[in-house]
PDB file of N, CA and C in Angstrom:
ATOM      1  N   UNK A   1     315.051  81.885 186.035  1.00  0.00           N
ATOM      2  CA  UNK A   1     316.301  81.934 186.032  1.00  0.00           C
ATOM      3  C   UNK A   1     316.880  80.763 186.471  1.00  0.00           C
ATOM      4  N   UNK A   2     317.918  80.726 185.603  1.00  0.00           N
ATOM      5  CA  UNK A   2     318.696  79.608 185.419  1.00  0.00           C
ATOM      6  C   UNK A   2     320.044  79.289 186.252  1.00  0.00           C
ATOM      7  N   UNK A   3     320.133  78.485 187.333  1.00  0.00           N
ATOM      8  CA  UNK A   3     321.631  78.627 187.589  1.00  0.00           C
ATOM      9  C   UNK A   3     322.203  77.341 187.232  1.00  0.00           C
ATOM     10  N   UNK A   4     323.378  77.117 186.980  1.00  0.00           N
ATOM     11  CA  UNK A   4     324.577  75.989 187.076  1.00  0.00           C
ATOM     12  C   UNK A   4     325.179  75.958 188.603  1.00  0.00           C
ATOM     13  N   UNK A   5     325.388  74.821 188.862  1.00  0.00           N
ATOM     14  CA  UNK A   5     326.243  74.368 190.219  1.00  0.00           C
ATOM     15  C   UNK A   5     327.652  74.017 189.838  1.00  0.00           C
ATOM     16  N   UNK A   6     328.781  74.796 190.290  1.00  0.00           N
ATOM     17  CA  UNK A   6     329.889  74.602 189.940  1.00  0.00           C
ATOM     18  C   UNK A   6     331.064  74.833 191.725  1.00  0.00           C
ATOM     19  N   UNK A   7     331.381  73.559 191.734  1.00  0.00           N
ATOM     20  CA  UNK A   7     331.843  73.340 193.212  1.00  0.00           C
ATOM     21  C   UNK A   7     330.474  73.768 194.246  1.00  0.00           C
ATOM     22  N   UNK A   8     331.280  74.490 194.697  1.00  0.00           N
ATOM     23  CA  UNK A   8     330.314  74.941 195.989  1.00  0.00           C
ATOM     24  C   UNK A   8     329.498  75.928 195.681  1.00  0.00           C
ATOM     25  N   UNK A   9     329.241  76.495 194.604  1.00  0.00           N
ATOM     26  CA  UNK A   9     328.892  77.581 194.310  1.00  0.00           C
ATOM     27  C   UNK A   9     327.713  77.749 192.839  1.00  0.00           C
ATOM     28  N   UNK A  10     326.845  78.318 193.106  1.00  0.00           N
ATOM     29  CA  UNK A  10     325.813  78.168 191.946  1.00  0.00           C
ATOM     30  C   UNK A  10     325.727  79.760 191.285  1.00  0.00           C
ATOM     31  N   UNK A  11     325.749  79.300 190.135  1.00  0.00           N
ATOM     32  CA  UNK A  11     325.906  80.661 189.531  1.00  0.00           C
ATOM     33  C   UNK A  11     324.802  80.938 188.395  1.00  0.00           C
ATOM     34  N   UNK A  12     324.426  82.195 188.484  1.00  0.00           N
ATOM     35  CA  UNK A  12     323.160  82.524 187.612  1.00  0.00           C
ATOM     36  C   UNK A  12     323.549  82.560 185.639  1.00  0.00           C
ATOM     37  N   UNK A  13     323.040  81.844 184.927  1.00  0.00           N
ATOM     38  CA  UNK A  13     323.686  81.763 183.867  1.00  0.00           C
ATOM     39  C   UNK A  13     323.552  83.141 183.136  1.00  0.00           C
ATOM     40  N   UNK A  14     322.441  84.239 183.685  1.00  0.00           N
ATOM     41  CA  UNK A  14     322.380  85.406 182.987  1.00  0.00           C
ATOM     42  C   UNK A  14     323.581  86.083 183.164  1.00  0.00           C
ATOM     43  N   UNK A  15     324.357  85.721 184.435  1.00  0.00           N
ATOM     44  CA  UNK A  15     325.331  86.517 184.739  1.00  0.00           C
ATOM     45  C   UNK A  15     326.906  86.135 184.401  1.00  0.00           C
ATOM     46  N   UNK A  16     326.880  85.036 183.546  1.00  0.00           N
ATOM     47  CA  UNK A  16     328.194  84.787 183.230  1.00  0.00           C
ATOM     48  C   UNK A  16     328.194  85.620 181.466  1.00  0.00           C
ATOM     49  N   UNK A  17     329.125  86.334 181.540  1.00  0.00           N
ATOM     50  CA  UNK A  17     329.772  87.172 180.485  1.00  0.00           C
ATOM     51  C   UNK A  17     330.556  86.647 179.126  1.00  0.00           C
ATOM     52  N   UNK A  18     331.345  86.092 179.419  1.00  0.00           N
ATOM     53  CA  UNK A  18     331.765  84.883 178.675  1.00  0.00           C
ATOM     54  C   UNK A  18     332.640  83.757 179.396  1.00  0.00           C
ATOM     55  N   UNK A  19     333.049  82.786 178.544  1.00  0.00           N
ATOM     56  CA  UNK A  19     333.642  81.374 178.849  1.00  0.00           C
ATOM     57  C   UNK A  19     334.218  81.135 177.745  1.00  0.00           C
ATOM     58  N   UNK A  20     335.673  80.881 178.175  1.00  0.00           N
ATOM     59  CA  UNK A  20     337.158  80.879 177.377  1.00  0.00           C
ATOM     60  C   UNK A  20     337.046  79.272 177.672  1.00  0.00           C
ATOM     61  N   UNK A  21     336.941  78.336 176.558  1.00  0.00           N
ATOM     62  CA  UNK A  21     337.191  76.789 176.793  1.00  0.00           C
ATOM     63  C   UNK A  21     338.642  76.477 176.232  1.00  0.00           C
ATOM     64  N   UNK A  22     339.509  76.138 177.223  1.00  0.00           N
ATOM     65  CA  UNK A  22     340.815  75.724 176.898  1.00  0.00           C
ATOM     66  C   UNK A  22     340.513  74.370 176.944  1.00  0.00           C
ATOM     67  N   UNK A  23     341.781  74.073 176.508  1.00  0.00           N
ATOM     68  CA  UNK A  23     342.257  72.166 176.590  1.00  0.00           C
ATOM     69  C   UNK A  23     342.108  71.541 178.165  1.00  0.00           C
ATOM     70  N   UNK A  24     342.688  72.514 179.309  1.00  0.00           N
ATOM     71  CA  UNK A  24     342.617  72.026 180.510  1.00  0.00           C
ATOM     72  C   UNK A  24     342.224  72.672 181.406  1.00  0.00           C
ATOM     73  N   UNK A  25     341.508  74.080 181.113  1.00  0.00           N
ATOM     74  CA  UNK A  25     341.179  74.819 181.877  1.00  0.00           C
ATOM     75  C   UNK A  25     339.911  75.723 181.244  1.00  0.00           C
ATOM     76  N   UNK A  26     339.094  75.872 181.916  1.00  0.00           N
ATOM     77  CA  UNK A  26     337.671  76.772 181.638  1.00  0.00           C
ATOM     78  C   UNK A  26     337.955  78.370 182.546  1.00  0.00           C
ATOM     79  N   UNK A  27     337.773  79.324 181.668  1.00  0.00           N
ATOM     80  CA  UNK A  27     338.249  80.941 182.288  1.00  0.00           C
ATOM     81  C   UNK A  27     336.588  81.388 182.571  1.00  0.00           C
ATOM     82  N   UNK A  28     335.795  81.771 183.131  1.00  0.00           N
ATOM     83  CA  UNK A  28     334.697  82.682 183.238  1.00  0.00           C
ATOM     84  C   UNK A  28     334.510  83.734 183.806  1.00  0.00           C
ATOM     85  N   UNK A  29     334.026  84.633 182.918  1.00  0.00           N
ATOM     86  CA  UNK A  29     333.788  85.974 183.353  1.00  0.00           C
ATOM     87  C   UNK A  29     332.167  86.141 183.723  1.00  0.00           C
ATOM     88  N   UNK A  30     332.176  86.882 184.858  1.00  0.00           N
ATOM     89  CA  UNK A  30     330.984  86.935 185.499  1.00  0.00           C
ATOM     90  C   UNK A  30     330.576  88.649 185.195  1.00  0.00           C
ATOM     91  N   UNK A  31     329.544  88.954 184.608  1.00  0.00           N
ATOM     92  CA  UNK A  31     328.996  90.288 184.389  1.00  0.00           C
ATOM     93  C   UNK A  31     328.249  90.980 185.628  1.00  0.00           C
ATOM     94  N   UNK A  32     329.066  90.966 187.017  1.00  0.00           N
ATOM     95  CA  UNK A  32     328.585  91.376 187.866  1.00  0.00           C
ATOM     96  C   UNK A  32     329.266  92.856 188.255  1.00  0.00           C
ATOM     97  N   UNK A  33     329.211  93.359 189.426  1.00  0.00           N
ATOM     98  CA  UNK A  33     329.809  94.785 189.452  1.00  0.00           C
ATOM     99  C   UNK A  33     330.885  94.527 189.712  1.00  0.00           C
ATOM    100  N   UNK A  34     331.515  93.535 190.090  1.00  0.00           N
ATOM    101  CA  UNK A  34     333.202  93.899 190.383  1.00  0.00           C
ATOM    102  C   UNK A  34     333.971  92.553 188.919  1.00  0.00           C
ATOM    103  N   UNK A  35     333.125  91.957 188.343  1.00  0.00           N
ATOM    104  CA  UNK A  35     333.376  91.388 187.003  1.00  0.00           C
ATOM    105  C   UNK A  35     334.578  90.369 187.226  1.00  0.00           C
ATOM    106  N   UNK A  36     334.050  89.539 188.270  1.00  0.00           N
ATOM    107  CA  UNK A  36     334.607  88.445 188.882  1.00  0.00           C
ATOM    108  C   UNK A  36     334.964  87.441 187.894  1.00  0.00           C
ATOM    109  N   UNK A  37     336.246  87.106 187.755  1.00  0.00           N
ATOM    110  CA  UNK A  37     337.044  86.101 187.126  1.00  0.00           C
ATOM    111  C   UNK A  37     337.402  84.903 187.644  1.00  0.00           C
ATOM    112  N   UNK A  38     336.490  83.843 187.233  1.00  0.00           N
ATOM    113  CA  UNK A  38     336.709  82.298 187.838  1.00  0.00           C
ATOM    114  C   UNK A  38     337.509  81.259 186.883  1.00  0.00           C
ATOM    115  N   UNK A  39     338.270  80.678 187.359  1.00  0.00           N
ATOM    116  CA  UNK A  39     339.085  79.848 186.674  1.00  0.00           C
ATOM    117  C   UNK A  39     338.561  78.419 187.147  1.00  0.00           C
ATOM    118  N   UNK A  40     338.521  77.492 186.196  1.00  0.00           N
ATOM    119  CA  UNK A  40     338.305  76.441 186.481  1.00  0.00           C
ATOM    120  C   UNK A  40     339.136  75.365 185.783  1.00  0.00           C
ATOM    121  N   UNK A  41     339.514  73.680 186.456  1.00  0.00           N
ATOM    122  CA  UNK A  41     340.593  72.921 185.913  1.00  0.00           C
ATOM    123  C   UNK A  41     340.166  71.856 186.387  1.00  0.00           C
ATOM    124  N   UNK A  42     340.264  70.715 185.528  1.00  0.00           N
ATOM    125  CA  UNK A  42     340.000  69.445 186.088  1.00  0.00           C
ATOM    126  C   UNK A  42     338.833  68.646 185.372  1.00  0.00           C
ATOM    127  N   UNK A  43     338.129  68.082 186.809  1.00  0.00           N
ATOM    128  CA  UNK A  43     336.998  67.474 186.246  1.00  0.00           C
ATOM    129  C   UNK A  43     336.018  68.703 186.364  1.00  0.00           C
ATOM    130  N   UNK A  44     335.744  69.600 186.910  1.00  0.00           N
ATOM    131  CA  UNK A  44     335.176  70.795 187.281  1.00  0.00           C
ATOM    132  C   UNK A  44     334.801  71.641 185.609  1.00  0.00           C
ATOM    133  N   UNK A  45     336.498  71.657 185.025  1.00  0.00           N
ATOM    134  CA  UNK A  45     336.478  72.404 183.592  1.00  0.00           C
ATOM    135  C   UNK A  45     335.864  71.377 182.705  1.00  0.00           C
ATOM    136  N   UNK A  46     335.912  70.216 183.049  1.00  0.00           N
ATOM    137  CA  UNK A  46     335.234  68.863 181.943  1.00  0.00           C
ATOM    138  C   UNK A  46     333.567  69.121 182.140  1.00  0.00           C
ATOM    139  N   UNK A  47     333.789  69.566 183.122  1.00  0.00           N
ATOM    140  CA  UNK A  47     331.802  69.353 183.403  1.00  0.00           C
ATOM    141  C   UNK A  47     331.288  70.521 183.027  1.00  0.00           C
ATOM    142  N   UNK A  48     331.744  71.487 182.774  1.00  0.00           N
ATOM    143  CA  UNK A  48     331.349  72.597 182.345  1.00  0.00           C
ATOM    144  C   UNK A  48     331.582  73.002 180.953  1.00  0.00           C
ATOM    145  N   UNK A  49     332.297  72.181 180.292  1.00  0.00           N
ATOM    146  CA  UNK A  49     332.517  72.074 178.626  1.00  0.00           C
ATOM    147  C   UNK A  49     331.518  71.221 178.688  1.00  0.00           C
ATOM    148  N   UNK A  50     331.283  69.887 179.002  1.00  0.00           N
ATOM    149  CA  UNK A  50     330.229  69.179 178.426  1.00  0.00           C
ATOM    150  C   UNK A  50     328.976  69.796 178.582  1.00  0.00           C
ATOM    151  N   UNK A  51     328.565  70.592 179.739  1.00  0.00           N
ATOM    152  CA  UNK A  51     327.217  71.442 179.768  1.00  0.00           C
ATOM    153  C   UNK A  51     327.086  72.312 178.597  1.00  0.00           C
ATOM    154  N   UNK A  52     328.359  73.404 178.429  1.00  0.00           N
ATOM    155  CA  UNK A  52     327.984  74.162 177.546  1.00  0.00           C
ATOM    156  C   UNK A  52     328.295  73.717 175.881  1.00  0.00           C
ATOM    157  N   UNK A  53     328.495  72.199 175.566  1.00  0.00           N
ATOM    158  CA  UNK A  53     328.612  71.499 174.433  1.00  0.00           C
ATOM    159  C   UNK A  53     327.221  70.814 174.398  1.00  0.00           C
ATOM    160  N   UNK A  54     326.337  71.043 174.864  1.00  0.00           N
ATOM    161  CA  UNK A  54     325.071  70.183 175.008  1.00  0.00           C
ATOM    162  C   UNK A  54     324.197  71.302 174.133  1.00  0.00           C
ATOM    163  N   UNK A  55     323.840  70.616 173.106  1.00  0.00           N
ATOM    164  CA  UNK A  55     323.278  72.002 172.150  1.00  0.00           C
ATOM    165  C   UNK A  55     321.267  71.880 172.529  1.00  0.00           C
ATOM    166  N   UNK A  56     321.134  70.572 173.386  1.00  0.00           N
ATOM    167  CA  UNK A  56     319.901  70.681 173.954  1.00  0.00           C
ATOM    168  C   UNK A  56     319.621  71.653 175.115  1.00  0.00           C
ATOM    169  N   UNK A  57     320.737  71.955 175.961  1.00  0.00           N
ATOM    170  CA  UNK A  57     320.964  72.592 177.284  1.00  0.00           C
ATOM    171  C   UNK A  57     321.291  74.301 176.802  1.00  0.00           C
ATOM    172  N   UNK A  58     321.874  74.245 175.231  1.00  0.00           N
ATOM    173  CA  UNK A  58     322.829  75.702 175.110  1.00  0.00           C
ATOM    174  C   UNK A  58     322.445  75.973 173.915  1.00  0.00           C
ATOM    175  N   UNK A  59     321.830  77.130 173.592  1.00  0.00           N
ATOM    176  CA  UNK A  59     321.994  77.846 172.156  1.00  0.00           C
ATOM    177  C   UNK A  59     323.004  77.981 171.696  1.00  0.00           C
ATOM    178  N   UNK A  60     323.365  77.375 170.780  1.00  0.00           N
ATOM    179  CA  UNK A  60     324.746  77.661 170.020  1.00  0.00           C
ATOM    180  C   UNK A  60     324.515  78.821 168.785  1.00  0.00           C
ATOM    181  N   UNK A  61     325.234  79.868 169.023  1.00  0.00           N
ATOM    182  CA  UNK A  61     325.104  80.549 167.728  1.00  0.00           C
ATOM    183  C   UNK A  61     326.157  80.812 167.308  1.00  0.00           C
ATOM    184  N   UNK A  62     326.272  80.765 166.063  1.00  0.00           N
ATOM    185  CA  UNK A  62     327.069  80.703 165.125  1.00  0.00           C
ATOM    186  C   UNK A  62     327.655  82.099 164.747  1.00  0.00           C
ATOM    187  N   UNK A  63     329.059  82.288 164.767  1.00  0.00           N
ATOM    188  CA  UNK A  63     329.534  83.712 164.626  1.00  0.00           C
ATOM    189  C   UNK A  63     329.067  84.212 162.970  1.00  0.00           C
ATOM    190  N   UNK A  64     328.681  85.240 162.864  1.00  0.00           N
ATOM    191  CA  UNK A  64     328.276  86.206 161.710  1.00  0.00           C
ATOM    192  C   UNK A  64     329.232  85.745 160.611  1.00  0.00           C
ATOM    193  N   UNK A  65     328.669  86.106 159.465  1.00  0.00           N
ATOM    194  CA  UNK A  65     329.418  85.732 158.303  1.00  0.00           C
ATOM    195  C   UNK A  65     330.229  86.814 157.856  1.00  0.00           C
ATOM    196  N   UNK A  66     331.583  86.337 157.382  1.00  0.00           N
ATOM    197  CA  UNK A  66     332.393  87.540 157.344  1.00  0.00           C
ATOM    198  C   UNK A  66     332.358  88.332 156.057  1.00  0.00           C
ATOM    199  N   UNK A  67     332.523  89.379 156.253  1.00  0.00           N
ATOM    200  CA  UNK A  67     331.922  90.222 154.693  1.00  0.00           C
ATOM    201  C   UNK A  67     333.258  89.482 153.850  1.00  0.00           C
ATOM    202  N   UNK A  68     333.089  89.585 152.256  1.00  0.00           N
ATOM    203  CA  UNK A  68     333.794  89.485 151.432  1.00  0.00           C
ATOM    204  C   UNK A  68     335.296  90.400 151.276  1.00  0.00           C
ATOM    205  N   UNK A  69     336.376  89.688 151.251  1.00  0.00           N
ATOM    206  CA  UNK A  69     337.413  90.216 150.978  1.00  0.00           C
ATOM    207  C   UNK A  69     337.192  91.122 149.787  1.00  0.00           C
ATOM    208  N   UNK A  70     338.022  92.424 149.627  1.00  0.00           N
ATOM    209  CA  UNK A  70     337.962  92.770 148.684  1.00  0.00           C
ATOM    210  C   UNK A  70     339.212  93.530 147.885  1.00  0.00           C
ATOM    211  N   UNK A  71     339.872  93.193 146.779  1.00  0.00           N
ATOM    212  CA  UNK A  71     341.074  93.691 146.032  1.00  0.00           C
ATOM    213  C   UNK A  71     341.203  95.083 146.286  1.00  0.00           C
ATOM    214  N   UNK A  72     342.418  95.782 146.692  1.00  0.00           N
ATOM    215  CA  UNK A  72     342.640  97.183 146.948  1.00  0.00           C
ATOM    216  C   UNK A  72     343.498  97.636 146.130  1.00  0.00           C
TER     217      UNK A  72
END
């Protein structure tokens, strides 16, 4: 089980449903019974961005290819 420390919290990486990366903030939705929504800004948001943009720590999966457009 892997955790990341965010401020005074430890968050289980497998409990993170989604992370939205904005220029000035991060919104993290946890996949727990309350579907907790966490919002971070400032240096903490930048640290989270740096962590999740590090390809050595996180497997970055590209989106699936889009099907070709068809003329109707």
